[in-house]
Amino acid sequence: MKYKGYESVVEFDDEAEIFHGEIINIRDVITFQGSSVEELKQAFQDSVDDYLEFCKERGEEPDKPFSGKFVVRIDPELHKVMTIQARQEGKSLNSWIEQRLSDSLA
């Protein structure tokens, strides 16, 4: 499900006979549950709204769904080889890596 840019994953617990979900595109942990699809959707939206209001009350910026930035630690030799390869192709290291990642998911 999606709401205000936030996305969730939902599972069904057949023992408890309840749906439970978690927002997956932010670092903060936001969960919700419901016993029907309608209840689950409403709980998801309420959880997002509650989270945004909580952040506002505390004067904090809510965690935004993926900024497009992340840190990856790699072997220095691999870093060097990738940088050389990117320069040979006339690209920045960031655009070279982005292209390689996109290609690997296609």
N, C-alpha and C. Protein backbone atom coordinates (compact mmCIF):
# COMPACT_ATOMS: atom_id res chain seq x y z
N MET A 1 0.84 -1.18 0.00
CA MET A 1 0.00 0.00 0.00
C MET A 1 0.88 1.23 0.00
N LYS A 2 0.34 2.32 -0.55
CA LYS A 2 1.04 3.59 -0.59
C LYS A 2 0.12 4.69 -0.08
N TYR A 3 0.74 5.65 0.63
CA TYR A 3 -0.01 6.78 1.16
C TYR A 3 0.97 7.90 1.48
N LYS A 4 0.75 9.07 0.89
CA LYS A 4 1.60 10.25 1.11
C LYS A 4 3.08 9.96 0.90
N GLY A 5 3.39 9.10 -0.07
CA GLY A 5 4.77 8.77 -0.37
C GLY A 5 5.35 7.64 0.46
N TYR A 6 4.61 7.17 1.45
CA TYR A 6 5.08 6.07 2.29
C TYR A 6 4.53 4.76 1.74
N GLU A 7 5.37 3.72 1.78
CA GLU A 7 4.98 2.41 1.26
C GLU A 7 5.10 1.36 2.36
N SER A 8 4.24 0.37 2.26
CA SER A 8 4.23 -0.65 3.31
C SER A 8 4.28 -2.05 2.72
N VAL A 9 4.61 -2.97 3.59
CA VAL A 9 4.51 -4.38 3.28
C VAL A 9 3.57 -4.97 4.32
N VAL A 10 2.74 -5.91 3.87
CA VAL A 10 1.71 -6.48 4.75
C VAL A 10 1.82 -8.00 4.76
N GLU A 11 1.63 -8.57 5.93
CA GLU A 11 1.58 -10.03 6.06
C GLU A 11 0.32 -10.41 6.82
N PHE A 12 -0.08 -11.66 6.63
CA PHE A 12 -1.25 -12.17 7.35
C PHE A 12 -0.79 -13.20 8.36
N ASP A 13 -1.18 -13.02 9.61
CA ASP A 13 -0.88 -13.97 10.67
C ASP A 13 -2.11 -14.87 10.80
N ASP A 14 -2.00 -16.09 10.27
CA ASP A 14 -3.18 -16.97 10.28
C ASP A 14 -3.51 -17.50 11.67
N GLU A 15 -2.54 -17.52 12.57
CA GLU A 15 -2.84 -17.93 13.95
C GLU A 15 -3.70 -16.88 14.65
N ALA A 16 -3.28 -15.63 14.55
CA ALA A 16 -4.02 -14.54 15.20
C ALA A 16 -5.16 -14.03 14.32
N GLU A 17 -5.18 -14.47 13.06
CA GLU A 17 -6.17 -14.04 12.07
C GLU A 17 -6.22 -12.51 11.97
N ILE A 18 -5.04 -11.94 11.74
CA ILE A 18 -4.93 -10.49 11.63
C ILE A 18 -3.85 -10.13 10.62
N PHE A 19 -4.07 -9.04 9.92
CA PHE A 19 -3.07 -8.49 9.02
C PHE A 19 -2.18 -7.55 9.83
N HIS A 20 -0.89 -7.57 9.55
CA HIS A 20 -0.02 -6.58 10.16
C HIS A 20 0.94 -6.07 9.09
N GLY A 21 1.27 -4.81 9.21
CA GLY A 21 2.12 -4.21 8.20
C GLY A 21 3.16 -3.30 8.82
N GLU A 22 4.12 -2.91 7.98
CA GLU A 22 5.19 -2.02 8.39
C GLU A 22 5.55 -1.13 7.21
N ILE A 23 5.82 0.13 7.48
CA ILE A 23 6.27 1.04 6.44
C ILE A 23 7.72 0.70 6.15
N ILE A 24 8.04 0.54 4.88
CA ILE A 24 9.35 0.00 4.51
C ILE A 24 10.30 1.00 3.85
N ASN A 25 9.84 2.19 3.52
CA ASN A 25 10.74 3.09 2.79
C ASN A 25 11.25 4.27 3.64
N ILE A 26 11.34 4.05 4.95
CA ILE A 26 11.98 5.01 5.85
C ILE A 26 12.73 4.24 6.92
N ARG A 27 13.59 4.96 7.65
CA ARG A 27 14.36 4.30 8.71
C ARG A 27 13.56 4.14 9.99
N ASP A 28 12.67 5.10 10.28
CA ASP A 28 11.85 4.99 11.48
C ASP A 28 10.95 3.76 11.36
N VAL A 29 10.57 3.19 12.49
CA VAL A 29 9.73 2.00 12.50
C VAL A 29 8.29 2.41 12.75
N ILE A 30 7.43 2.13 11.77
CA ILE A 30 6.00 2.41 11.89
C ILE A 30 5.27 1.15 11.50
N THR A 31 4.46 0.64 12.42
CA THR A 31 3.70 -0.58 12.15
C THR A 31 2.21 -0.29 12.32
N PHE A 32 1.41 -1.22 11.83
CA PHE A 32 -0.05 -1.09 11.92
C PHE A 32 -0.65 -2.47 11.74
N GLN A 33 -1.92 -2.59 12.10
CA GLN A 33 -2.59 -3.89 11.94
C GLN A 33 -4.09 -3.69 11.76
N GLY A 34 -4.73 -4.72 11.26
CA GLY A 34 -6.18 -4.69 11.08
C GLY A 34 -6.70 -6.09 10.82
N SER A 35 -7.96 -6.28 11.13
CA SER A 35 -8.56 -7.61 10.95
C SER A 35 -9.27 -7.74 9.60
N SER A 36 -9.38 -6.65 8.85
CA SER A 36 -9.96 -6.70 7.51
C SER A 36 -9.13 -5.78 6.61
N VAL A 37 -9.34 -5.89 5.32
CA VAL A 37 -8.60 -5.06 4.38
C VAL A 37 -8.92 -3.59 4.63
N GLU A 38 -10.19 -3.28 4.83
CA GLU A 38 -10.59 -1.90 5.09
C GLU A 38 -9.96 -1.37 6.37
N GLU A 39 -9.98 -2.17 7.41
CA GLU A 39 -9.39 -1.78 8.69
C GLU A 39 -7.88 -1.60 8.56
N LEU A 40 -7.25 -2.48 7.80
CA LEU A 40 -5.81 -2.40 7.57
C LEU A 40 -5.44 -1.11 6.84
N LYS A 41 -6.17 -0.80 5.77
CA LYS A 41 -5.90 0.43 5.02
C LYS A 41 -6.05 1.66 5.90
N GLN A 42 -7.10 1.68 6.70
CA GLN A 42 -7.32 2.82 7.58
C GLN A 42 -6.22 2.93 8.63
N ALA A 43 -5.81 1.80 9.18
CA ALA A 43 -4.75 1.78 10.19
C ALA A 43 -3.43 2.28 9.59
N PHE A 44 -3.16 1.91 8.36
CA PHE A 44 -1.96 2.37 7.66
C PHE A 44 -1.98 3.89 7.52
N GLN A 45 -3.07 4.42 7.01
CA GLN A 45 -3.18 5.87 6.83
C GLN A 45 -3.12 6.60 8.17
N ASP A 46 -3.80 6.06 9.17
CA ASP A 46 -3.77 6.67 10.50
C ASP A 46 -2.35 6.67 11.07
N SER A 47 -1.61 5.58 10.85
CA SER A 47 -0.24 5.50 11.36
C SER A 47 0.65 6.53 10.70
N VAL A 48 0.51 6.71 9.40
CA VAL A 48 1.30 7.73 8.70
C VAL A 48 0.94 9.12 9.22
N ASP A 49 -0.36 9.40 9.32
CA ASP A 49 -0.81 10.71 9.81
C ASP A 49 -0.34 10.95 11.24
N ASP A 50 -0.44 9.93 12.08
CA ASP A 50 0.02 10.06 13.48
C ASP A 50 1.52 10.34 13.53
N TYR A 51 2.28 9.64 12.70
CA TYR A 51 3.72 9.83 12.65
C TYR A 51 4.06 11.27 12.24
N LEU A 52 3.40 11.75 11.20
CA LEU A 52 3.66 13.11 10.74
C LEU A 52 3.28 14.14 11.79
N GLU A 53 2.18 13.93 12.48
CA GLU A 53 1.75 14.84 13.55
C GLU A 53 2.71 14.79 14.73
N PHE A 54 3.15 13.60 15.10
CA PHE A 54 4.12 13.44 16.19
C PHE A 54 5.40 14.21 15.90
N CYS A 55 5.89 14.08 14.68
CA CYS A 55 7.11 14.80 14.30
C CYS A 55 6.88 16.31 14.36
N LYS A 56 5.73 16.74 13.89
CA LYS A 56 5.40 18.17 13.90
C LYS A 56 5.36 18.71 15.33
N GLU A 57 4.73 17.97 16.23
CA GLU A 57 4.63 18.39 17.63
C GLU A 57 6.01 18.49 18.29
N ARG A 58 6.92 17.63 17.88
CA ARG A 58 8.27 17.63 18.46
C ARG A 58 9.21 18.60 17.75
N GLY A 59 8.72 19.22 16.68
CA GLY A 59 9.55 20.14 15.92
C GLY A 59 10.63 19.44 15.12
N GLU A 60 10.37 18.18 14.76
CA GLU A 60 11.34 17.39 14.00
C GLU A 60 10.85 17.17 12.58
N GLU A 61 11.79 17.03 11.66
CA GLU A 61 11.43 16.67 10.30
C GLU A 61 11.15 15.17 10.25
N PRO A 62 10.02 14.77 9.67
CA PRO A 62 9.77 13.33 9.53
C PRO A 62 10.77 12.71 8.56
N ASP A 63 11.06 11.46 8.78
CA ASP A 63 11.93 10.73 7.88
C ASP A 63 11.24 10.68 6.52
N LYS A 64 11.90 11.15 5.51
CA LYS A 64 11.32 11.18 4.16
C LYS A 64 11.61 9.87 3.45
N PRO A 65 10.64 9.44 2.63
CA PRO A 65 10.90 8.24 1.84
C PRO A 65 12.09 8.44 0.92
N PHE A 66 13.08 7.61 1.03
CA PHE A 66 14.30 7.56 0.26
C PHE A 66 14.72 8.84 -0.44
N SER A 67 15.84 9.35 -0.02
CA SER A 67 16.39 10.59 -0.57
C SER A 67 17.17 10.33 -1.85
N GLY A 68 17.54 9.09 -2.10
CA GLY A 68 18.39 8.79 -3.24
C GLY A 68 19.87 8.80 -2.87
N LYS A 69 20.15 8.96 -1.59
CA LYS A 69 21.54 8.95 -1.12
C LYS A 69 21.72 7.80 -0.13
N PHE A 70 22.85 7.12 -0.26
CA PHE A 70 23.22 6.11 0.72
C PHE A 70 24.72 5.90 0.69
N VAL A 71 25.27 5.44 1.78
CA VAL A 71 26.71 5.24 1.88
C VAL A 71 27.01 3.76 1.75
N VAL A 72 27.99 3.47 0.93
CA VAL A 72 28.43 2.08 0.74
C VAL A 72 29.93 2.04 0.99
N ARG A 73 30.36 1.15 1.84
CA ARG A 73 31.79 0.98 2.09
C ARG A 73 32.29 -0.20 1.26
N ILE A 74 33.33 0.06 0.48
CA ILE A 74 33.88 -0.98 -0.38
C ILE A 74 35.40 -1.00 -0.24
N ASP A 75 35.99 -2.04 -0.76
CA ASP A 75 37.44 -2.17 -0.77
C ASP A 75 38.05 -1.01 -1.56
N PRO A 76 39.10 -0.38 -1.04
CA PRO A 76 39.71 0.76 -1.74
C PRO A 76 40.17 0.43 -3.17
N GLU A 77 40.63 -0.77 -3.39
CA GLU A 77 41.06 -1.15 -4.74
C GLU A 77 39.86 -1.17 -5.69
N LEU A 78 38.73 -1.69 -5.24
CA LEU A 78 37.52 -1.69 -6.06
C LEU A 78 37.09 -0.25 -6.35
N HIS A 79 37.16 0.61 -5.36
CA HIS A 79 36.83 2.02 -5.53
C HIS A 79 37.69 2.63 -6.64
N LYS A 80 38.98 2.34 -6.59
CA LYS A 80 39.92 2.87 -7.60
C LYS A 80 39.55 2.36 -8.99
N VAL A 81 39.32 1.07 -9.12
CA VAL A 81 38.99 0.47 -10.42
C VAL A 81 37.69 1.06 -10.97
N MET A 82 36.70 1.23 -10.12
CA MET A 82 35.41 1.79 -10.56
C MET A 82 35.59 3.24 -11.02
N THR A 83 36.37 4.01 -10.28
CA THR A 83 36.61 5.41 -10.63
C THR A 83 37.30 5.51 -11.98
N ILE A 84 38.30 4.68 -12.21
CA ILE A 84 39.01 4.67 -13.49
C ILE A 84 38.05 4.30 -14.62
N GLN A 85 37.25 3.27 -14.40
CA GLN A 85 36.29 2.82 -15.42
C GLN A 85 35.29 3.94 -15.74
N ALA A 86 34.79 4.60 -14.71
CA ALA A 86 33.83 5.70 -14.91
C ALA A 86 34.47 6.82 -15.73
N ARG A 87 35.70 7.19 -15.38
CA ARG A 87 36.40 8.27 -16.11
C ARG A 87 36.64 7.88 -17.57
N GLN A 88 36.99 6.61 -17.80
CA GLN A 88 37.21 6.15 -19.16
C GLN A 88 35.93 6.25 -20.00
N GLU A 89 34.79 6.11 -19.33
CA GLU A 89 33.50 6.21 -20.02
C GLU A 89 32.96 7.63 -20.02
N GLY A 90 33.73 8.56 -19.44
CA GLY A 90 33.31 9.96 -19.42
C GLY A 90 32.15 10.24 -18.49
N LYS A 91 32.06 9.47 -17.41
CA LYS A 91 30.96 9.61 -16.46
C LYS A 91 31.51 9.91 -15.07
N SER A 92 30.65 10.49 -14.24
CA SER A 92 30.99 10.61 -12.82
C SER A 92 30.86 9.23 -12.20
N LEU A 93 31.52 9.05 -11.08
CA LEU A 93 31.41 7.76 -10.39
C LEU A 93 29.96 7.48 -10.01
N ASN A 94 29.24 8.50 -9.54
CA ASN A 94 27.83 8.30 -9.16
C ASN A 94 26.99 7.83 -10.34
N SER A 95 27.12 8.51 -11.49
CA SER A 95 26.29 8.11 -12.63
C SER A 95 26.71 6.74 -13.16
N TRP A 96 28.00 6.41 -13.08
CA TRP A 96 28.46 5.10 -13.51
C TRP A 96 27.86 4.00 -12.64
N ILE A 97 27.91 4.20 -11.32
CA ILE A 97 27.34 3.22 -10.38
C ILE A 97 25.84 3.10 -10.58
N GLU A 98 25.16 4.24 -10.72
CA GLU A 98 23.71 4.20 -10.93
C GLU A 98 23.36 3.39 -12.16
N GLN A 99 24.10 3.59 -13.25
CA GLN A 99 23.84 2.83 -14.47
C GLN A 99 24.08 1.34 -14.26
N ARG A 100 25.16 0.98 -13.59
CA ARG A 100 25.45 -0.43 -13.33
C ARG A 100 24.35 -1.06 -12.46
N LEU A 101 23.90 -0.35 -11.45
CA LEU A 101 22.84 -0.89 -10.60
C LEU A 101 21.54 -1.05 -11.38
N SER A 102 21.21 -0.05 -12.19
CA SER A 102 19.99 -0.14 -13.02
C SER A 102 20.08 -1.32 -13.97
N ASP A 103 21.23 -1.48 -14.60
CA ASP A 103 21.41 -2.59 -15.54
C ASP A 103 21.25 -3.94 -14.84
N SER A 104 21.74 -4.04 -13.60
CA SER A 104 21.68 -5.31 -12.89
C SER A 104 20.25 -5.68 -12.48
N LEU A 105 19.36 -4.70 -12.42
CA LEU A 105 17.97 -4.95 -12.03
C LEU A 105 17.06 -5.17 -13.23
N ALA A 106 17.55 -4.91 -14.41
CA ALA A 106 16.73 -5.04 -15.63
C ALA A 106 16.54 -6.47 -16.05
